[in-house]
N, C-alpha and C. Protein backbone atom coordinates (compact mmCIF):
# COMPACT_ATOMS: atom_id res chain seq x y z
N MET A 1 114.48 38.09 113.61
CA MET A 1 113.39 37.33 114.35
C MET A 1 113.51 35.78 113.96
N GLN A 2 113.12 34.82 114.83
CA GLN A 2 113.19 33.64 114.74
C GLN A 2 111.98 33.36 113.73
N ASP A 3 111.88 32.19 113.31
CA ASP A 3 111.26 31.82 111.96
C ASP A 3 110.40 30.86 113.51
N ILE A 4 108.75 31.04 113.28
CA ILE A 4 108.06 30.47 114.48
C ILE A 4 108.13 28.96 113.92
N SER A 5 108.08 28.52 112.69
CA SER A 5 107.81 27.01 112.73
C SER A 5 109.66 26.50 113.08
N HIS A 6 110.09 26.80 113.38
CA HIS A 6 111.81 26.22 113.37
C HIS A 6 111.62 26.11 114.89
N SER A 7 111.06 27.41 115.95
CA SER A 7 111.16 27.60 116.77
C SER A 7 110.10 26.12 117.68
N GLU A 8 108.34 26.08 116.83
CA GLU A 8 107.84 25.49 117.19
C GLU A 8 108.53 23.84 116.99
N THR A 9 109.76 23.39 115.83
CA THR A 9 110.10 22.19 115.77
C THR A 9 110.86 21.86 116.92
N TYR A 10 111.72 23.02 117.30
CA TYR A 10 112.69 22.93 118.46
C TYR A 10 112.08 22.84 120.07
N ASP A 11 110.89 22.92 120.34
CA ASP A 11 110.03 22.74 121.09
C ASP A 11 109.47 21.60 121.22
N ARG A 12 109.39 20.54 120.19
CA ARG A 12 108.69 19.52 119.94
C ARG A 12 110.18 18.28 120.11
N ILE A 13 111.27 18.70 119.30
CA ILE A 13 112.56 17.96 119.75
C ILE A 13 112.21 18.08 120.97
N ARG A 14 112.90 18.71 122.09
CA ARG A 14 113.13 19.01 123.39
C ARG A 14 112.28 17.96 124.10
N GLN A 15 110.90 18.49 123.64
CA GLN A 15 110.12 17.42 124.65
C GLN A 15 110.04 16.05 124.01
N ALA A 16 110.39 15.30 123.08
CA ALA A 16 110.73 14.37 122.75
C ALA A 16 111.97 13.81 123.15
N ILE A 17 112.74 14.43 123.78
CA ILE A 17 113.79 14.36 124.48
C ILE A 17 113.43 14.13 125.77
N ALA A 18 112.78 15.01 126.76
CA ALA A 18 111.88 15.14 128.03
C ALA A 18 111.28 13.28 127.75
N GLU A 19 111.19 12.97 127.22
CA GLU A 19 110.58 11.70 127.00
C GLU A 19 111.05 10.79 127.07
N LYS A 20 111.93 10.92 126.59
CA LYS A 20 113.34 9.62 126.17
C LYS A 20 114.54 9.64 126.18
N PRO A 21 114.66 10.25 127.28
CA PRO A 21 116.37 11.12 127.52
C PRO A 21 117.27 9.96 127.00
N ASP A 22 117.46 8.70 126.37
CA ASP A 22 118.08 8.38 126.33
C ASP A 22 118.32 7.58 125.04
N GLY A 23 116.95 8.48 124.13
CA GLY A 23 116.88 7.98 122.88
C GLY A 23 118.09 7.52 121.92
N ILE A 24 117.73 7.59 120.88
CA ILE A 24 118.77 7.84 119.58
C ILE A 24 118.65 8.65 118.84
N LEU A 25 119.71 9.89 119.17
CA LEU A 25 119.27 11.03 118.24
C LEU A 25 119.54 11.29 117.03
N GLU A 26 120.32 9.88 116.43
CA GLU A 26 119.88 10.45 114.91
C GLU A 26 118.43 9.61 114.30
N ALA A 27 117.87 9.28 115.10
CA ALA A 27 116.33 8.85 114.69
C ALA A 27 115.48 10.05 114.84
N LEU A 28 115.53 11.00 115.84
CA LEU A 28 114.38 12.04 116.14
C LEU A 28 115.50 12.95 115.46
N ALA A 29 116.22 13.29 114.42
CA ALA A 29 116.81 13.78 113.27
C ALA A 29 116.01 13.47 112.12
N GLN A 30 116.03 12.42 112.18
CA GLN A 30 115.34 12.07 110.96
C GLN A 30 113.82 12.37 110.71
N GLN A 31 113.24 12.05 112.33
CA GLN A 31 112.01 12.04 112.50
C GLN A 31 111.12 13.17 112.33
N PHE A 32 111.88 14.45 112.67
CA PHE A 32 111.56 16.00 112.82
C PHE A 32 112.33 16.84 111.46
N GLY A 33 113.34 15.90 110.73
CA GLY A 33 113.64 16.40 109.22
C GLY A 33 114.49 17.65 109.53
N VAL A 34 115.48 17.39 110.73
CA VAL A 34 116.31 18.53 110.92
C VAL A 34 117.79 17.70 110.98
N SER A 35 118.58 18.60 110.86
CA SER A 35 120.24 18.09 111.11
C SER A 35 120.59 17.27 112.31
N LEU A 36 121.47 16.84 112.63
CA LEU A 36 121.77 15.75 114.06
C LEU A 36 122.37 17.30 114.98
N GLN A 37 122.80 18.00 114.57
CA GLN A 37 123.36 18.93 115.48
C GLN A 37 122.37 19.69 115.56
N CYS A 38 121.28 20.01 114.74
CA CYS A 38 119.86 20.52 115.27
C CYS A 38 119.53 19.77 116.56
N VAL A 39 119.51 18.64 116.79
CA VAL A 39 119.05 17.95 118.02
C VAL A 39 119.74 17.72 118.87
N VAL A 40 121.40 17.94 118.60
CA VAL A 40 122.55 18.27 120.11
C VAL A 40 122.00 19.82 120.65
N GLU A 41 121.60 20.36 119.79
CA GLU A 41 121.75 21.74 120.40
C GLU A 41 120.19 21.64 121.10
N CYS A 42 119.01 20.76 121.00
CA CYS A 42 118.22 20.72 122.02
C CYS A 42 117.87 19.91 123.09
N LEU A 43 119.18 19.43 123.39
CA LEU A 43 119.27 18.38 124.72
C LEU A 43 119.64 19.67 125.56
N PRO A 44 118.98 19.18 126.90
CA PRO A 44 119.17 19.87 128.12
C PRO A 44 120.73 19.62 128.83
N GLY A 45 121.34 20.95 128.80
CA GLY A 45 122.61 21.03 129.80
C GLY A 45 123.25 20.13 129.26
N GLY A 46 124.36 20.11 129.94
CA GLY A 46 125.89 19.32 129.78
C GLY A 46 126.72 19.14 128.22
N VAL A 47 125.99 20.28 127.45
CA VAL A 47 126.55 20.49 125.96
C VAL A 47 127.20 21.90 126.18
N THR A 48 128.70 21.41 125.64
CA THR A 48 129.52 22.13 125.37
C THR A 48 129.82 22.41 123.66
N ARG A 49 129.95 23.70 123.48
CA ARG A 49 129.98 24.00 121.78
C ARG A 49 132.03 24.45 121.54
N ILE A 50 132.66 23.91 120.80
CA ILE A 50 133.52 24.22 120.61
C ILE A 50 134.02 24.66 118.80
N ASP A 51 134.28 25.92 118.42
CA ASP A 51 134.63 26.21 117.29
C ASP A 51 134.73 24.90 116.21
N GLY A 52 134.80 25.00 115.31
CA GLY A 52 135.28 23.37 114.29
C GLY A 52 136.46 24.38 114.05
N SER A 53 137.59 24.98 113.96
CA SER A 53 138.58 25.39 113.82
C SER A 53 139.43 24.92 115.09
N ARG A 54 138.81 24.76 115.71
CA ARG A 54 140.09 23.72 117.05
C ARG A 54 139.93 22.48 117.08
N PHE A 55 139.57 21.85 115.36
CA PHE A 55 139.66 20.48 115.47
C PHE A 55 141.54 19.93 115.14
N VAL A 56 142.15 20.46 115.35
CA VAL A 56 143.17 19.64 115.02
C VAL A 56 143.73 19.71 116.22
N GLU A 57 143.47 20.84 117.55
CA GLU A 57 143.90 20.93 118.92
C GLU A 57 142.95 19.81 119.90
N VAL A 58 141.71 19.62 119.20
CA VAL A 58 140.70 18.60 120.31
C VAL A 58 141.51 16.83 119.73
N LEU A 59 141.58 17.05 118.93
CA LEU A 59 142.17 15.73 118.16
C LEU A 59 143.76 15.40 119.04
N GLY A 60 144.07 16.32 118.72
CA GLY A 60 145.65 16.11 119.71
C GLY A 60 145.48 16.71 120.73
N ASP A 61 144.83 16.79 121.97
CA ASP A 61 144.53 16.53 123.32
C ASP A 61 143.75 14.93 122.94
N ILE A 62 142.85 14.24 122.40
CA ILE A 62 142.01 13.06 123.15
C ILE A 62 142.81 12.03 122.21
N ALA A 63 144.06 12.28 121.70
CA ALA A 63 145.13 11.27 120.73
C ALA A 63 146.02 10.86 122.48
N GLU A 64 146.05 11.66 123.65
CA GLU A 64 146.41 11.72 124.63
C GLU A 64 145.80 11.14 126.01
N TRP A 65 144.60 10.07 125.19
CA TRP A 65 143.35 9.85 126.27
C TRP A 65 143.78 8.33 126.55
N GLY A 66 144.03 7.91 126.14
CA GLY A 66 144.34 6.16 125.81
C GLY A 66 143.05 5.52 125.53
N ASP A 67 142.31 4.73 125.41
CA ASP A 67 141.31 4.18 124.45
C ASP A 67 139.80 4.78 124.89
N ILE A 68 139.39 4.82 123.35
CA ILE A 68 137.88 5.79 123.14
C ILE A 68 137.58 4.79 122.85
N THR A 69 136.06 5.12 122.18
CA THR A 69 135.39 4.65 121.30
C THR A 69 135.27 6.05 120.40
N PHE A 70 135.48 5.33 119.11
CA PHE A 70 135.27 6.40 117.85
C PHE A 70 134.36 5.98 116.76
N ILE A 71 133.24 6.41 116.90
CA ILE A 71 132.43 6.15 116.04
C ILE A 71 131.68 6.65 115.21
N VAL A 72 131.22 6.20 113.57
CA VAL A 72 131.02 6.85 112.50
C VAL A 72 129.75 6.79 112.33
N HIS A 73 128.22 6.92 112.18
CA HIS A 73 126.94 6.66 111.92
C HIS A 73 126.02 7.42 110.97
N THR A 74 125.98 6.87 109.86
CA THR A 74 125.78 6.91 108.87
C THR A 74 124.03 6.46 108.90
N SER A 75 122.80 6.87 107.27
CA SER A 75 121.89 6.00 107.23
C SER A 75 122.31 4.89 106.87
N ASP A 76 123.44 4.50 106.83
CA ASP A 76 123.73 3.08 106.14
C ASP A 76 124.11 2.14 107.26
N ALA A 77 125.16 2.44 108.00
CA ALA A 77 125.62 1.81 109.23
C ALA A 77 126.04 2.84 109.84
N ILE A 78 126.83 1.87 111.33
CA ILE A 78 127.08 2.15 112.57
C ILE A 78 128.66 1.55 112.70
N VAL A 79 129.56 2.67 112.65
CA VAL A 79 131.18 1.80 112.37
C VAL A 79 131.73 2.31 113.75
N GLU A 80 132.41 1.26 114.72
CA GLU A 80 132.74 1.69 115.84
C GLU A 80 134.46 1.22 115.99
N PHE A 81 134.96 1.49 116.78
CA PHE A 81 136.17 1.25 116.69
C PHE A 81 136.66 1.68 117.91
N SER A 82 137.41 0.77 118.89
CA SER A 82 137.96 0.47 120.40
C SER A 82 139.16 1.03 120.47
N GLY A 83 140.03 1.54 120.87
CA GLY A 83 141.46 2.02 120.93
C GLY A 83 142.10 2.93 121.53
N PRO A 84 143.24 2.93 121.10
CA PRO A 84 143.43 4.77 121.22
C PRO A 84 143.52 5.21 119.87
N MET A 85 143.52 7.01 120.28
CA MET A 85 142.64 7.60 118.97
C MET A 85 144.89 8.29 119.02
N PRO A 86 145.05 8.21 117.65
CA PRO A 86 145.96 7.83 116.78
C PRO A 86 146.28 9.27 116.88
N ARG A 87 147.66 9.80 117.37
CA ARG A 87 147.93 10.58 116.63
C ARG A 87 148.01 11.23 115.29
N GLY A 88 147.93 12.84 114.82
CA GLY A 88 147.78 13.16 113.60
C GLY A 88 148.92 14.17 113.27
N ARG A 89 148.51 14.39 112.23
CA ARG A 89 149.90 15.63 111.58
C ARG A 89 149.04 15.99 109.88
N MET A 90 149.43 17.20 109.80
CA MET A 90 148.88 18.07 108.73
C MET A 90 149.64 17.61 107.73
N GLY A 91 149.30 17.38 106.28
CA GLY A 91 149.80 17.01 104.83
C GLY A 91 148.84 16.94 104.20
N HIS A 92 149.40 17.40 102.54
CA HIS A 92 148.55 18.09 102.13
C HIS A 92 147.13 18.19 102.14
N GLY A 93 146.86 19.02 103.15
CA GLY A 93 145.87 19.55 103.30
C GLY A 93 145.08 18.67 104.02
N MET A 94 145.65 17.62 104.91
CA MET A 94 144.65 16.43 105.06
C MET A 94 145.12 16.23 106.68
N TYR A 95 144.56 16.01 108.04
CA TYR A 95 144.86 16.06 109.02
C TYR A 95 145.26 14.38 109.26
N ASN A 96 146.47 13.50 109.16
CA ASN A 96 146.26 12.21 109.05
C ASN A 96 146.68 11.55 110.14
N LEU A 97 145.67 10.36 110.28
CA LEU A 97 145.88 9.74 111.62
C LEU A 97 146.85 8.76 111.05
N GLN A 98 148.10 8.61 112.30
CA GLN A 98 149.06 7.94 112.05
C GLN A 98 148.92 6.49 112.98
N GLY A 99 148.25 5.87 112.69
CA GLY A 99 147.69 4.69 113.04
C GLY A 99 148.55 3.42 112.70
N GLY A 100 149.27 3.78 111.84
CA GLY A 100 149.97 2.62 111.63
C GLY A 100 149.94 1.32 111.21
N GLY A 101 149.81 0.41 111.42
CA GLY A 101 149.80 -0.96 110.95
C GLY A 101 148.54 -1.57 111.33
N SER A 102 148.04 -1.46 112.67
CA SER A 102 147.06 -1.63 113.08
C SER A 102 146.23 -0.63 113.93
N GLY A 103 144.82 -0.79 114.44
CA GLY A 103 144.34 0.02 114.74
C GLY A 103 143.95 1.39 114.10
N LEU A 104 143.47 2.17 114.49
CA LEU A 104 142.36 3.61 113.61
C LEU A 104 143.45 4.78 112.60
N SER A 105 143.57 4.64 111.20
CA SER A 105 144.23 5.06 110.38
C SER A 105 143.07 6.11 109.43
N GLY A 106 143.58 6.89 108.83
CA GLY A 106 143.22 7.60 107.74
C GLY A 106 143.62 9.32 107.80
N HIS A 107 142.54 10.03 106.77
CA HIS A 107 142.68 11.02 106.88
C HIS A 107 141.60 12.17 106.42
N LEU A 108 141.57 13.00 107.27
CA LEU A 108 140.32 14.23 107.45
C LEU A 108 140.92 14.99 107.22
N ARG A 109 139.28 16.03 106.27
CA ARG A 109 139.65 17.40 106.12
C ARG A 109 139.20 18.39 107.13
N PRO A 110 140.20 18.88 108.05
CA PRO A 110 140.03 19.62 109.25
C PRO A 110 139.00 21.22 108.65
N GLU A 111 138.68 21.65 107.43
CA GLU A 111 138.75 22.49 107.01
C GLU A 111 137.19 22.37 106.97
N ASN A 112 136.71 21.31 106.88
CA ASN A 112 135.18 20.99 107.05
C ASN A 112 134.28 20.48 108.22
N CYS A 113 134.94 21.00 109.58
CA CYS A 113 134.50 20.84 110.55
C CYS A 113 134.34 21.70 110.84
N LYS A 114 132.84 22.47 111.22
CA LYS A 114 132.25 24.10 111.66
C LYS A 114 132.36 24.07 112.82
N ALA A 115 132.11 23.10 113.46
CA ALA A 115 131.67 22.81 115.42
C ALA A 115 131.57 21.21 115.98
N ILE A 116 131.94 21.64 116.96
CA ILE A 116 132.58 20.30 117.94
C ILE A 116 131.88 20.47 119.51
N PHE A 117 131.04 19.40 119.41
CA PHE A 117 129.90 19.39 120.75
C PHE A 117 130.48 18.36 121.44
N LEU A 118 130.49 19.38 123.13
CA LEU A 118 130.79 18.08 124.07
C LEU A 118 129.50 17.80 124.43
N VAL A 119 129.31 16.10 124.60
CA VAL A 119 127.81 16.11 125.14
C VAL A 119 128.01 15.08 126.45
N ARG A 120 127.25 15.10 127.04
CA ARG A 120 127.08 14.63 128.52
C ARG A 120 125.45 13.95 128.40
N ARG A 121 124.86 12.86 128.36
CA ARG A 121 123.92 12.21 128.62
C ARG A 121 123.59 11.01 128.52
N PRO A 122 122.38 11.06 128.50
CA PRO A 122 122.41 8.96 129.00
C PRO A 122 121.79 8.25 127.64
N PHE A 123 122.60 7.26 127.66
CA PHE A 123 122.26 6.39 126.45
C PHE A 123 122.23 4.87 126.78
N MET A 124 121.34 4.02 127.06
CA MET A 124 121.33 2.89 127.23
C MET A 124 121.26 2.72 128.41
N GLY A 125 120.76 3.68 129.66
CA GLY A 125 120.49 3.66 130.78
C GLY A 125 121.92 3.59 131.64
N MET A 126 123.40 4.16 130.45
CA MET A 126 124.09 4.59 131.26
C MET A 126 124.92 6.10 131.05
N GLU A 127 125.53 6.89 132.06
CA GLU A 127 125.97 8.07 131.73
C GLU A 127 126.62 8.12 130.33
N THR A 128 126.85 8.80 129.48
CA THR A 128 127.75 9.24 128.27
C THR A 128 128.22 9.98 128.28
N MET A 129 129.61 10.30 127.87
CA MET A 129 129.96 11.43 127.41
C MET A 129 131.08 11.16 126.23
N SER A 130 130.63 12.42 124.59
CA SER A 130 131.69 12.16 123.43
C SER A 130 131.44 13.78 123.00
N VAL A 131 132.57 13.74 122.19
CA VAL A 131 133.22 14.45 121.68
C VAL A 131 132.35 14.44 119.97
N GLN A 132 131.79 15.45 119.75
CA GLN A 132 131.05 15.30 118.82
C GLN A 132 131.42 15.91 117.26
N PHE A 133 131.65 15.96 116.32
CA PHE A 133 132.34 17.09 115.27
C PHE A 133 131.58 16.84 113.73
N PHE A 134 131.10 18.12 113.68
CA PHE A 134 130.03 18.43 112.90
C PHE A 134 130.34 19.35 111.86
N ASN A 135 130.01 19.03 110.35
CA ASN A 135 129.82 19.89 109.27
C ASN A 135 129.62 21.14 108.76
N ALA A 136 129.31 21.60 107.89
CA ALA A 136 128.09 22.85 107.51
C ALA A 136 126.89 22.61 107.60
N HIS A 137 126.87 21.16 107.02
CA HIS A 137 125.39 20.53 106.77
C HIS A 137 124.62 20.42 108.21
N GLY A 138 125.25 20.09 109.82
CA GLY A 138 125.04 19.93 110.66
C GLY A 138 124.75 18.33 110.98
N GLU A 139 125.62 18.15 109.69
CA GLU A 139 125.92 16.42 109.94
C GLU A 139 127.10 16.22 111.03
N THR A 140 126.77 14.96 111.52
CA THR A 140 128.19 14.12 112.00
C THR A 140 129.13 14.12 111.41
N ILE A 141 130.50 14.18 111.31
CA ILE A 141 131.82 13.71 110.48
C ILE A 141 132.06 12.18 111.30
N PHE A 142 132.14 12.52 112.91
CA PHE A 142 132.25 11.43 113.68
C PHE A 142 131.90 11.69 115.16
N LYS A 143 132.19 10.71 116.22
CA LYS A 143 131.83 10.90 117.59
C LYS A 143 133.07 9.71 118.23
N ILE A 144 133.47 10.86 119.50
CA ILE A 144 134.30 10.15 119.90
C ILE A 144 133.86 9.92 121.74
N TYR A 145 134.14 8.59 121.86
CA TYR A 145 133.28 8.61 123.24
C TYR A 145 134.51 8.45 124.48
N VAL A 146 134.35 8.63 125.29
CA VAL A 146 135.04 8.84 126.59
C VAL A 146 134.85 7.09 127.13
N GLY A 147 135.88 6.36 127.37
CA GLY A 147 136.33 4.95 127.47
C GLY A 147 135.53 4.47 128.87
N ARG A 148 135.71 3.56 129.17
CA ARG A 148 135.15 3.09 130.52
C ARG A 148 136.08 1.19 131.00
N ASP A 149 135.93 1.44 131.98
CA ASP A 149 136.43 1.00 133.03
C ASP A 149 135.98 -0.75 132.43
N ALA A 150 137.08 -1.86 133.65
CA ALA A 150 136.31 -2.59 133.41
C ALA A 150 134.82 -3.20 134.00
N GLU A 151 134.78 -1.93 134.72
CA GLU A 151 133.21 -2.11 135.73
C GLU A 151 132.10 -1.33 134.95
N LYS A 152 132.50 -0.82 133.65
CA LYS A 152 131.58 -0.07 132.81
C LYS A 152 131.24 1.29 133.61
N LYS A 153 132.04 1.85 134.09
CA LYS A 153 132.21 3.30 134.84
C LYS A 153 132.87 3.92 133.99
N LEU A 154 132.68 5.13 133.57
CA LEU A 154 133.38 6.10 132.82
C LEU A 154 134.55 6.07 133.47
N LYS A 155 135.51 6.44 132.71
CA LYS A 155 137.14 6.43 133.02
C LYS A 155 137.64 7.84 133.37
N ALA A 156 137.71 7.33 134.88
CA ALA A 156 137.83 9.18 135.57
C ALA A 156 138.71 10.13 135.08
N ASP A 157 139.87 10.01 134.62
CA ASP A 157 141.39 10.74 134.11
C ASP A 157 140.35 10.81 132.67
N GLN A 158 139.72 10.35 131.61
CA GLN A 158 139.16 10.86 130.31
C GLN A 158 138.13 11.55 130.47
N VAL A 159 137.31 11.27 132.13
CA VAL A 159 136.33 12.61 132.52
C VAL A 159 136.93 13.69 132.68
N GLU A 160 138.15 13.96 133.27
CA GLU A 160 139.07 15.06 133.77
C GLU A 160 139.49 15.76 132.57
N ARG A 161 140.23 14.89 131.16
CA ARG A 161 139.96 15.66 130.20
C ARG A 161 139.28 15.98 129.38
N PHE A 162 138.37 15.57 129.48
CA PHE A 162 137.12 16.02 128.64
C PHE A 162 136.26 17.21 128.95
N ASP A 163 136.63 17.22 130.66
CA ASP A 163 135.99 18.76 131.10
C ASP A 163 136.92 19.74 130.79
N ARG A 164 138.43 19.50 131.03
CA ARG A 164 139.62 20.55 130.80
C ARG A 164 139.20 20.64 129.21
N LEU A 165 138.52 20.06 128.10
CA LEU A 165 138.48 20.49 126.91
C LEU A 165 137.45 21.43 126.70
N ALA A 166 136.07 21.46 127.55
CA ALA A 166 135.64 22.34 127.66
C ALA A 166 135.65 23.70 128.54
N THR A 167 136.55 23.44 128.89
CA THR A 167 137.29 24.63 129.94
C THR A 167 138.30 25.32 128.84
N LEU A 168 139.13 24.78 128.10
CA LEU A 168 140.23 25.30 127.16
C LEU A 168 139.49 26.22 125.97
N PHE A 169 138.53 25.45 125.19
CA PHE A 169 137.87 25.52 124.22
C PHE A 169 136.75 25.88 124.31
N SER A 170 136.18 25.97 125.03
CA SER A 170 134.39 26.51 124.84
C SER A 170 134.45 27.49 124.47
N GLU A 171 133.35 27.77 123.58
CA GLU A 171 132.77 28.55 122.55
C GLU A 171 131.33 29.43 123.02
N THR A 172 130.64 28.35 123.34
CA THR A 172 129.09 28.79 124.36
C THR A 172 128.70 27.48 125.13
N ALA A 173 128.11 27.39 126.45
CA ALA A 173 127.36 26.58 126.58
C ALA A 173 126.06 26.34 126.23
N VAL A 174 125.64 25.72 125.18
CA VAL A 174 124.23 25.23 124.82
C VAL A 174 123.08 24.73 125.95
N ALA A 175 122.24 25.71 126.27
CA ALA A 175 121.63 25.32 127.23
C ALA A 175 120.31 24.37 126.85
């Protein structure tokens, strides 16, 4: 049986999203004292969940997309990288991004990813599409956004790849 206060909180989050659909989701998580994943699960339509065990496969696919925007958003900083997602490989228990001397590089712990969400939503007056990676606490590990062309339109080939991820790996559609 679902906790009534939990249900009421989700209803209040859904109402806040309805009132400001392109608001900052992290602000809602803080306002309602819930994880960002809880807020994402309250988004209306356009959200698909992929099991976190698909972490390496999803990132391998994204490495073929071309230029994307990679974002890490914490309470202290929002760090963005725009460019190609580097290929990675497993080694020493880490997924090692092969960014070389320039671009994005680093070492990721795939086992910490428990859920991946494909999210379509408006933000700052524009449609966005992102792949968001979450840990066991419902906190964002990082997000990857579909790139934009010179006219600020979502890149059509990446939109197709995004949709393909949903078809290949989706666990459930979140309503």
